[in-house]
Amino acid sequence: MMKRMALLLLAAALCVLAACSKEEKQETSSETKTEQPAKEKASKNEEKSQEQANQEGPIQLQILKEDQEAGITLENSKIYQQLDQFVKTNPNMGTKDQFTVVIVDTSESKDGKSNLVLLGVNRMSETMRNYSFTFTFGDKHGTYVLKDKEIKVDSKTSGDLQVGHAQPIKVPLTEAEMAQLKKLDQNQAIVKVENIEAERAES
């Protein structure tokens, strides 16, 4: 169950922009060029237009693969309904050509353990797979909830992160980290996302 905390109501506005390195493929022109069939050209243009629309349009929530396989949907999950409402309230989150992390809230697992709930937002031009990053969340007074925490998202359980979509990332918190969270000065918060690595999903 999601636990709304006053602290994170403000923290929800903290978007951390971190550009994934993007290799641009340069095509070398040859002396002889073969014309593509008109239908093939049209199909590729349509795909490109759709990808661009997804990249620049309103962000959509993506349910994790393991949750989909467990039969979880927007209709039967209160957690995903809350996340979907958050996404719909902030449809322009993220920046073109960048991977963004947004702090949303905390949640409590069935075993009573706490998690920090993030959203990974993909406004890159390609689908992301098996991505990882280091995450720091603290304040300027030296209080840290997490510092250089390595976070890995495995596509086997999460699914590939589609262009123009956001998926939840749950980061387990210890009792000590939850205590730090409650002491955090939200007006002097520090959030960093660094060392991003990701694979490109094959189309």
C-alpha atoms as a PDB file:
ATOM      1  CA  MET A   1       0.000   0.000   0.000  1.00  0.00           C
ATOM      2  CA  MET A   2       1.269   3.466  -0.866  1.00  0.00           C
ATOM      3  CA  LYS A   3       1.825   5.677   2.163  1.00  0.00           C
ATOM      4  CA  ARG A   4       1.478   9.359   1.363  1.00  0.00           C
ATOM      5  CA  MET A   5       4.009  11.371   3.340  1.00  0.00           C
ATOM      6  CA  ALA A   6       4.074  15.163   3.634  1.00  0.00           C
ATOM      7  CA  LEU A   7       7.798  15.111   2.992  1.00  0.00           C
ATOM      8  CA  LEU A   8       7.442  13.392  -0.351  1.00  0.00           C
ATOM      9  CA  LEU A   9       4.592  15.551  -1.526  1.00  0.00           C
ATOM     10  CA  LEU A  10       7.234  18.172  -2.163  1.00  0.00           C
ATOM     11  CA  ALA A  11       9.866  15.650  -3.187  1.00  0.00           C
ATOM     12  CA  ALA A  12       7.557  14.450  -5.942  1.00  0.00           C
ATOM     13  CA  ALA A  13       8.483  17.603  -7.826  1.00  0.00           C
ATOM     14  CA  LEU A  14      12.150  16.637  -7.799  1.00  0.00           C
ATOM     15  CA  CYS A  15      13.013  15.354 -11.260  1.00  0.00           C
ATOM     16  CA  VAL A  16      16.578  14.276 -11.796  1.00  0.00           C
ATOM     17  CA  LEU A  17      17.692  14.594 -15.367  1.00  0.00           C
ATOM     18  CA  ALA A  18      20.457  12.318 -16.502  1.00  0.00           C
ATOM     19  CA  ALA A  19      21.235  11.878 -20.169  1.00  0.00           C
ATOM     20  CA  CYS A  20      22.029   8.369 -21.279  1.00  0.00           C
ATOM     21  CA  SER A  21      24.881   8.306 -23.742  1.00  0.00           C
ATOM     22  CA  LYS A  22      23.386   8.108 -27.183  1.00  0.00           C
ATOM     23  CA  GLU A  23      25.315   6.777 -30.129  1.00  0.00           C
ATOM     24  CA  GLU A  24      24.312   8.381 -33.392  1.00  0.00           C
ATOM     25  CA  LYS A  25      24.707   6.085 -36.335  1.00  0.00           C
ATOM     26  CA  GLN A  26      26.190   7.924 -39.271  1.00  0.00           C
ATOM     27  CA  GLU A  27      25.457   6.436 -42.639  1.00  0.00           C
ATOM     28  CA  THR A  28      28.230   6.630 -45.190  1.00  0.00           C
ATOM     29  CA  SER A  29      26.967   7.429 -48.613  1.00  0.00           C
ATOM     30  CA  SER A  30      27.949   5.052 -51.369  1.00  0.00           C
ATOM     31  CA  GLU A  31      28.118   5.822 -55.045  1.00  0.00           C
ATOM     32  CA  THR A  32      25.237   3.519 -55.837  1.00  0.00           C
ATOM     33  CA  LYS A  33      22.008   3.727 -53.839  1.00  0.00           C
ATOM     34  CA  THR A  34      19.113   1.334 -54.030  1.00  0.00           C
ATOM     35  CA  GLU A  35      15.682   2.921 -53.885  1.00  0.00           C
ATOM     36  CA  GLN A  36      13.471   1.530 -51.132  1.00  0.00           C
ATOM     37  CA  PRO A  37      10.006   0.415 -52.170  1.00  0.00           C
ATOM     38  CA  ALA A  38       7.365   3.095 -51.522  1.00  0.00           C
ATOM     39  CA  LYS A  39       5.466   0.879 -49.048  1.00  0.00           C
ATOM     40  CA  GLU A  40       8.629   0.162 -47.051  1.00  0.00           C
ATOM     41  CA  LYS A  41       9.472   3.873 -46.928  1.00  0.00           C
ATOM     42  CA  ALA A  42       5.951   4.754 -45.792  1.00  0.00           C
ATOM     43  CA  SER A  43       6.047   2.074 -43.091  1.00  0.00           C
ATOM     44  CA  LYS A  44       9.365   3.305 -41.743  1.00  0.00           C
ATOM     45  CA  ASN A  45       8.166   6.906 -41.795  1.00  0.00           C
ATOM     46  CA  GLU A  46       5.053   5.914 -39.848  1.00  0.00           C
ATOM     47  CA  GLU A  47       7.149   4.064 -37.268  1.00  0.00           C
ATOM     48  CA  LYS A  48       9.471   7.062 -36.927  1.00  0.00           C
ATOM     49  CA  SER A  49       6.524   9.435 -36.522  1.00  0.00           C
ATOM     50  CA  GLN A  50       4.993   7.199 -33.851  1.00  0.00           C
ATOM     51  CA  GLU A  51       8.296   6.944 -31.959  1.00  0.00           C
ATOM     52  CA  GLN A  52       8.679  10.720 -32.052  1.00  0.00           C
ATOM     53  CA  ALA A  53       5.100  11.180 -30.841  1.00  0.00           C
ATOM     54  CA  ASN A  54       5.766   8.788 -27.948  1.00  0.00           C
ATOM     55  CA  GLN A  55       9.035  10.516 -27.127  1.00  0.00           C
ATOM     56  CA  GLU A  56       7.548  14.019 -27.016  1.00  0.00           C
ATOM     57  CA  GLY A  57       3.947  13.322 -25.994  1.00  0.00           C
ATOM     58  CA  PRO A  58       2.365  12.728 -22.563  1.00  0.00           C
ATOM     59  CA  ILE A  59       4.106  10.077 -20.495  1.00  0.00           C
ATOM     60  CA  GLN A  60       2.202   6.829 -19.972  1.00  0.00           C
ATOM     61  CA  LEU A  61       2.521   4.454 -17.043  1.00  0.00           C
ATOM     62  CA  GLN A  62       3.961   1.026 -17.803  1.00  0.00           C
ATOM     63  CA  ILE A  63       3.081  -1.913 -15.545  1.00  0.00           C
ATOM     64  CA  LEU A  64       6.019  -4.095 -14.599  1.00  0.00           C
ATOM     65  CA  LYS A  65       6.304  -7.390 -16.473  1.00  0.00           C
ATOM     66  CA  GLU A  66       6.226  -9.493 -13.301  1.00  0.00           C
ATOM     67  CA  ASP A  67       3.060  -7.696 -12.172  1.00  0.00           C
ATOM     68  CA  GLN A  68       1.409  -8.216 -15.552  1.00  0.00           C
ATOM     69  CA  GLU A  69       2.218 -11.913 -15.360  1.00  0.00           C
ATOM     70  CA  ALA A  70       0.665 -11.995 -11.875  1.00  0.00           C
ATOM     71  CA  GLY A  71      -2.569 -10.602 -13.316  1.00  0.00           C
ATOM     72  CA  ILE A  72      -2.166  -7.083 -11.926  1.00  0.00           C
ATOM     73  CA  THR A  73      -3.879  -4.328 -13.922  1.00  0.00           C
ATOM     74  CA  LEU A  74      -4.799  -0.681 -13.448  1.00  0.00           C
ATOM     75  CA  GLU A  75      -8.323  -1.815 -12.691  1.00  0.00           C
ATOM     76  CA  ASN A  76      -7.438  -4.137  -9.795  1.00  0.00           C
ATOM     77  CA  SER A  77      -4.380  -2.436  -8.240  1.00  0.00           C
ATOM     78  CA  LYS A  78      -4.684   0.595  -5.961  1.00  0.00           C
ATOM     79  CA  ILE A  79      -0.943   1.164  -6.145  1.00  0.00           C
ATOM     80  CA  TYR A  80      -0.949   1.362  -9.935  1.00  0.00           C
ATOM     81  CA  GLN A  81      -4.057   3.535  -9.858  1.00  0.00           C
ATOM     82  CA  GLN A  82      -2.208   6.016  -7.633  1.00  0.00           C
ATOM     83  CA  LEU A  83       0.861   5.891  -9.843  1.00  0.00           C
ATOM     84  CA  ASP A  84      -1.286   6.359 -12.939  1.00  0.00           C
ATOM     85  CA  GLN A  85      -2.944   9.383 -11.347  1.00  0.00           C
ATOM     86  CA  PHE A  86       0.496  10.809 -10.547  1.00  0.00           C
ATOM     87  CA  VAL A  87       1.612  10.316 -14.146  1.00  0.00           C
ATOM     88  CA  LYS A  88      -1.574  11.859 -15.534  1.00  0.00           C
ATOM     89  CA  THR A  89      -1.119  14.839 -13.221  1.00  0.00           C
ATOM     90  CA  ASN A  90       2.459  15.242 -14.485  1.00  0.00           C
ATOM     91  CA  PRO A  91       2.215  14.195 -18.157  1.00  0.00           C
ATOM     92  CA  ASN A  92       5.175  16.321 -19.255  1.00  0.00           C
ATOM     93  CA  MET A  93       7.683  14.893 -16.790  1.00  0.00           C
ATOM     94  CA  GLY A  94      11.072  14.113 -18.212  1.00  0.00           C
ATOM     95  CA  THR A  95      13.135  15.753 -20.936  1.00  0.00           C
ATOM     96  CA  LYS A  96      13.550  14.774 -24.560  1.00  0.00           C
ATOM     97  CA  ASP A  97      16.542  12.500 -25.226  1.00  0.00           C
ATOM     98  CA  GLN A  98      17.024  11.871 -21.525  1.00  0.00           C
ATOM     99  CA  PHE A  99      16.288   9.231 -18.915  1.00  0.00           C
ATOM    100  CA  THR A 100      14.723  10.788 -15.832  1.00  0.00           C
ATOM    101  CA  VAL A 101      14.133   9.562 -12.301  1.00  0.00           C
ATOM    102  CA  VAL A 102      11.245  11.017 -10.306  1.00  0.00           C
ATOM    103  CA  ILE A 103      10.690  10.470  -6.582  1.00  0.00           C
ATOM    104  CA  VAL A 104       7.024   9.658  -6.024  1.00  0.00           C
ATOM    105  CA  ASP A 105       6.345   8.260  -2.569  1.00  0.00           C
ATOM    106  CA  THR A 106       7.044   5.503  -0.084  1.00  0.00           C
ATOM    107  CA  SER A 107       5.274   2.176   0.055  1.00  0.00           C
ATOM    108  CA  GLU A 108       4.993  -0.699   2.483  1.00  0.00           C
ATOM    109  CA  SER A 109       5.385  -4.292   1.355  1.00  0.00           C
ATOM    110  CA  LYS A 110       3.225  -7.145   2.596  1.00  0.00           C
ATOM    111  CA  ASP A 111       6.003  -8.083   5.004  1.00  0.00           C
ATOM    112  CA  GLY A 112       5.884  -4.599   6.519  1.00  0.00           C
ATOM    113  CA  LYS A 113       9.139  -3.399   4.991  1.00  0.00           C
ATOM    114  CA  SER A 114       9.395   0.103   3.530  1.00  0.00           C
ATOM    115  CA  ASN A 115      10.337   1.104  -0.010  1.00  0.00           C
ATOM    116  CA  LEU A 116      11.106   4.356  -1.743  1.00  0.00           C
ATOM    117  CA  VAL A 117       9.023   4.480  -4.919  1.00  0.00           C
ATOM    118  CA  LEU A 118      10.631   6.063  -7.976  1.00  0.00           C
ATOM    119  CA  LEU A 119       9.529   6.363 -11.567  1.00  0.00           C
ATOM    120  CA  GLY A 120      12.016   5.727 -14.345  1.00  0.00           C
ATOM    121  CA  VAL A 121      10.976   7.917 -17.292  1.00  0.00           C
ATOM    122  CA  ASN A 122      12.186   7.134 -20.802  1.00  0.00           C
ATOM    123  CA  ARG A 123      12.165  10.057 -23.231  1.00  0.00           C
ATOM    124  CA  MET A 124      15.071   8.614 -25.160  1.00  0.00           C
ATOM    125  CA  SER A 125      14.529   7.718 -28.799  1.00  0.00           C
ATOM    126  CA  GLU A 126      14.902   3.990 -28.109  1.00  0.00           C
ATOM    127  CA  THR A 127      13.496   1.388 -25.743  1.00  0.00           C
ATOM    128  CA  MET A 128      15.708   0.753 -22.692  1.00  0.00           C
ATOM    129  CA  ARG A 129      16.605  -2.650 -21.280  1.00  0.00           C
ATOM    130  CA  ASN A 130      18.514  -3.813 -18.186  1.00  0.00           C
ATOM    131  CA  TYR A 131      19.411  -0.330 -17.006  1.00  0.00           C
ATOM    132  CA  SER A 132      21.232   0.724 -13.861  1.00  0.00           C
ATOM    133  CA  PHE A 133      22.304   3.922 -12.091  1.00  0.00           C
ATOM    134  CA  THR A 134      23.649   5.224  -8.799  1.00  0.00           C
ATOM    135  CA  PHE A 135      21.197   7.196  -6.685  1.00  0.00           C
ATOM    136  CA  THR A 136      21.773   9.754  -3.932  1.00  0.00           C
ATOM    137  CA  PHE A 137      18.970  11.275  -1.855  1.00  0.00           C
ATOM    138  CA  GLY A 138      19.764  13.590   1.036  1.00  0.00           C
ATOM    139  CA  ASP A 139      19.956  17.237   2.017  1.00  0.00           C
ATOM    140  CA  LYS A 140      22.551  20.017   2.183  1.00  0.00           C
ATOM    141  CA  HIS A 141      22.931  19.539   5.937  1.00  0.00           C
ATOM    142  CA  GLY A 142      24.561  16.152   5.428  1.00  0.00           C
ATOM    143  CA  THR A 143      21.545  13.950   6.111  1.00  0.00           C
ATOM    144  CA  TYR A 144      21.412  11.113   3.597  1.00  0.00           C
ATOM    145  CA  VAL A 145      18.710   8.538   3.046  1.00  0.00           C
ATOM    146  CA  LEU A 146      20.700   6.892   0.261  1.00  0.00           C
ATOM    147  CA  LYS A 147      24.186   7.777  -0.966  1.00  0.00           C
ATOM    148  CA  ASP A 148      25.627   6.400  -4.197  1.00  0.00           C
ATOM    149  CA  LYS A 149      23.160   3.530  -3.992  1.00  0.00           C
ATOM    150  CA  GLU A 150      23.482   1.266  -7.035  1.00  0.00           C
ATOM    151  CA  ILE A 151      20.070   0.486  -8.493  1.00  0.00           C
ATOM    152  CA  LYS A 152      19.655  -2.184 -11.164  1.00  0.00           C
ATOM    153  CA  VAL A 153      16.476  -2.791 -13.141  1.00  0.00           C
ATOM    154  CA  ASP A 154      16.318  -6.231 -14.742  1.00  0.00           C
ATOM    155  CA  SER A 155      14.096  -6.468 -17.797  1.00  0.00           C
ATOM    156  CA  LYS A 156      13.348 -10.108 -16.989  1.00  0.00           C
ATOM    157  CA  THR A 157      11.126  -8.868 -14.165  1.00  0.00           C
ATOM    158  CA  SER A 158      10.434  -5.267 -15.143  1.00  0.00           C
ATOM    159  CA  GLY A 159      10.105  -5.585 -18.919  1.00  0.00           C
ATOM    160  CA  ASP A 160      11.758  -3.231 -21.408  1.00  0.00           C
ATOM    161  CA  LEU A 161      11.089   0.449 -20.678  1.00  0.00           C
ATOM    162  CA  GLN A 162       9.264   1.736 -23.757  1.00  0.00           C
ATOM    163  CA  VAL A 163       9.788   5.182 -25.270  1.00  0.00           C
ATOM    164  CA  GLY A 164       7.430   7.740 -23.729  1.00  0.00           C
ATOM    165  CA  HIS A 165       6.671   5.528 -20.731  1.00  0.00           C
ATOM    166  CA  ALA A 166       7.442   5.466 -17.011  1.00  0.00           C
ATOM    167  CA  GLN A 167       7.751   2.386 -14.838  1.00  0.00           C
ATOM    168  CA  PRO A 168       7.934   2.104 -11.043  1.00  0.00           C
ATOM    169  CA  ILE A 169      11.215   1.290  -9.323  1.00  0.00           C
ATOM    170  CA  LYS A 170      10.996   0.154  -5.713  1.00  0.00           C
ATOM    171  CA  VAL A 171      14.071   0.776  -3.578  1.00  0.00           C
ATOM    172  CA  PRO A 172      14.020  -1.085  -0.223  1.00  0.00           C
ATOM    173  CA  LEU A 173      14.690   1.124   2.815  1.00  0.00           C
ATOM    174  CA  THR A 174      16.007  -0.014   6.171  1.00  0.00           C
ATOM    175  CA  GLU A 175      14.588   1.326   9.435  1.00  0.00           C
ATOM    176  CA  ALA A 176      17.652   3.561   9.743  1.00  0.00           C
ATOM    177  CA  GLU A 177      17.107   4.954   6.231  1.00  0.00           C
ATOM    178  CA  MET A 178      13.429   5.602   6.999  1.00  0.00           C
ATOM    179  CA  ALA A 179      14.513   7.483  10.112  1.00  0.00           C
ATOM    180  CA  GLN A 180      16.852   9.589   7.973  1.00  0.00           C
ATOM    181  CA  LEU A 181      14.010  10.244   5.555  1.00  0.00           C
ATOM    182  CA  LYS A 182      11.867  11.688   8.323  1.00  0.00           C
ATOM    183  CA  LYS A 183      14.727  13.998   9.380  1.00  0.00           C
ATOM    184  CA  LEU A 184      15.409  15.204   5.846  1.00  0.00           C
ATOM    185  CA  ASP A 185      15.106  18.947   5.195  1.00  0.00           C
ATOM    186  CA  GLN A 186      12.823  18.935   2.148  1.00  0.00           C
ATOM    187  CA  ASN A 187      13.668  22.542   1.334  1.00  0.00           C
ATOM    188  CA  GLN A 188      17.361  21.678   1.009  1.00  0.00           C
ATOM    189  CA  ALA A 189      17.012  18.304  -0.680  1.00  0.00           C
ATOM    190  CA  ILE A 190      19.768  16.835  -2.857  1.00  0.00           C
ATOM    191  CA  VAL A 191      18.948  14.201  -5.461  1.00  0.00           C
ATOM    192  CA  LYS A 192      21.509  12.805  -7.884  1.00  0.00           C
ATOM    193  CA  VAL A 193      21.322  10.134 -10.567  1.00  0.00           C
ATOM    194  CA  GLU A 194      24.697   9.174 -12.005  1.00  0.00           C
ATOM    195  CA  ASN A 195      26.547   6.382 -13.812  1.00  0.00           C
ATOM    196  CA  ILE A 196      23.600   5.394 -15.980  1.00  0.00           C
ATOM    197  CA  GLU A 197      24.039   2.300 -18.097  1.00  0.00           C
ATOM    198  CA  ALA A 198      21.430   0.722 -20.329  1.00  0.00           C
ATOM    199  CA  GLU A 199      21.054  -1.712 -23.182  1.00  0.00           C
ATOM    200  CA  ARG A 200      19.045  -0.901 -26.272  1.00  0.00           C
ATOM    201  CA  ALA A 201      16.176  -3.285 -26.760  1.00  0.00           C
ATOM    202  CA  GLU A 202      16.098  -4.876 -30.182  1.00  0.00           C
ATOM    203  CA  SER A 203      13.025  -3.955 -32.183  1.00  0.00           C
END
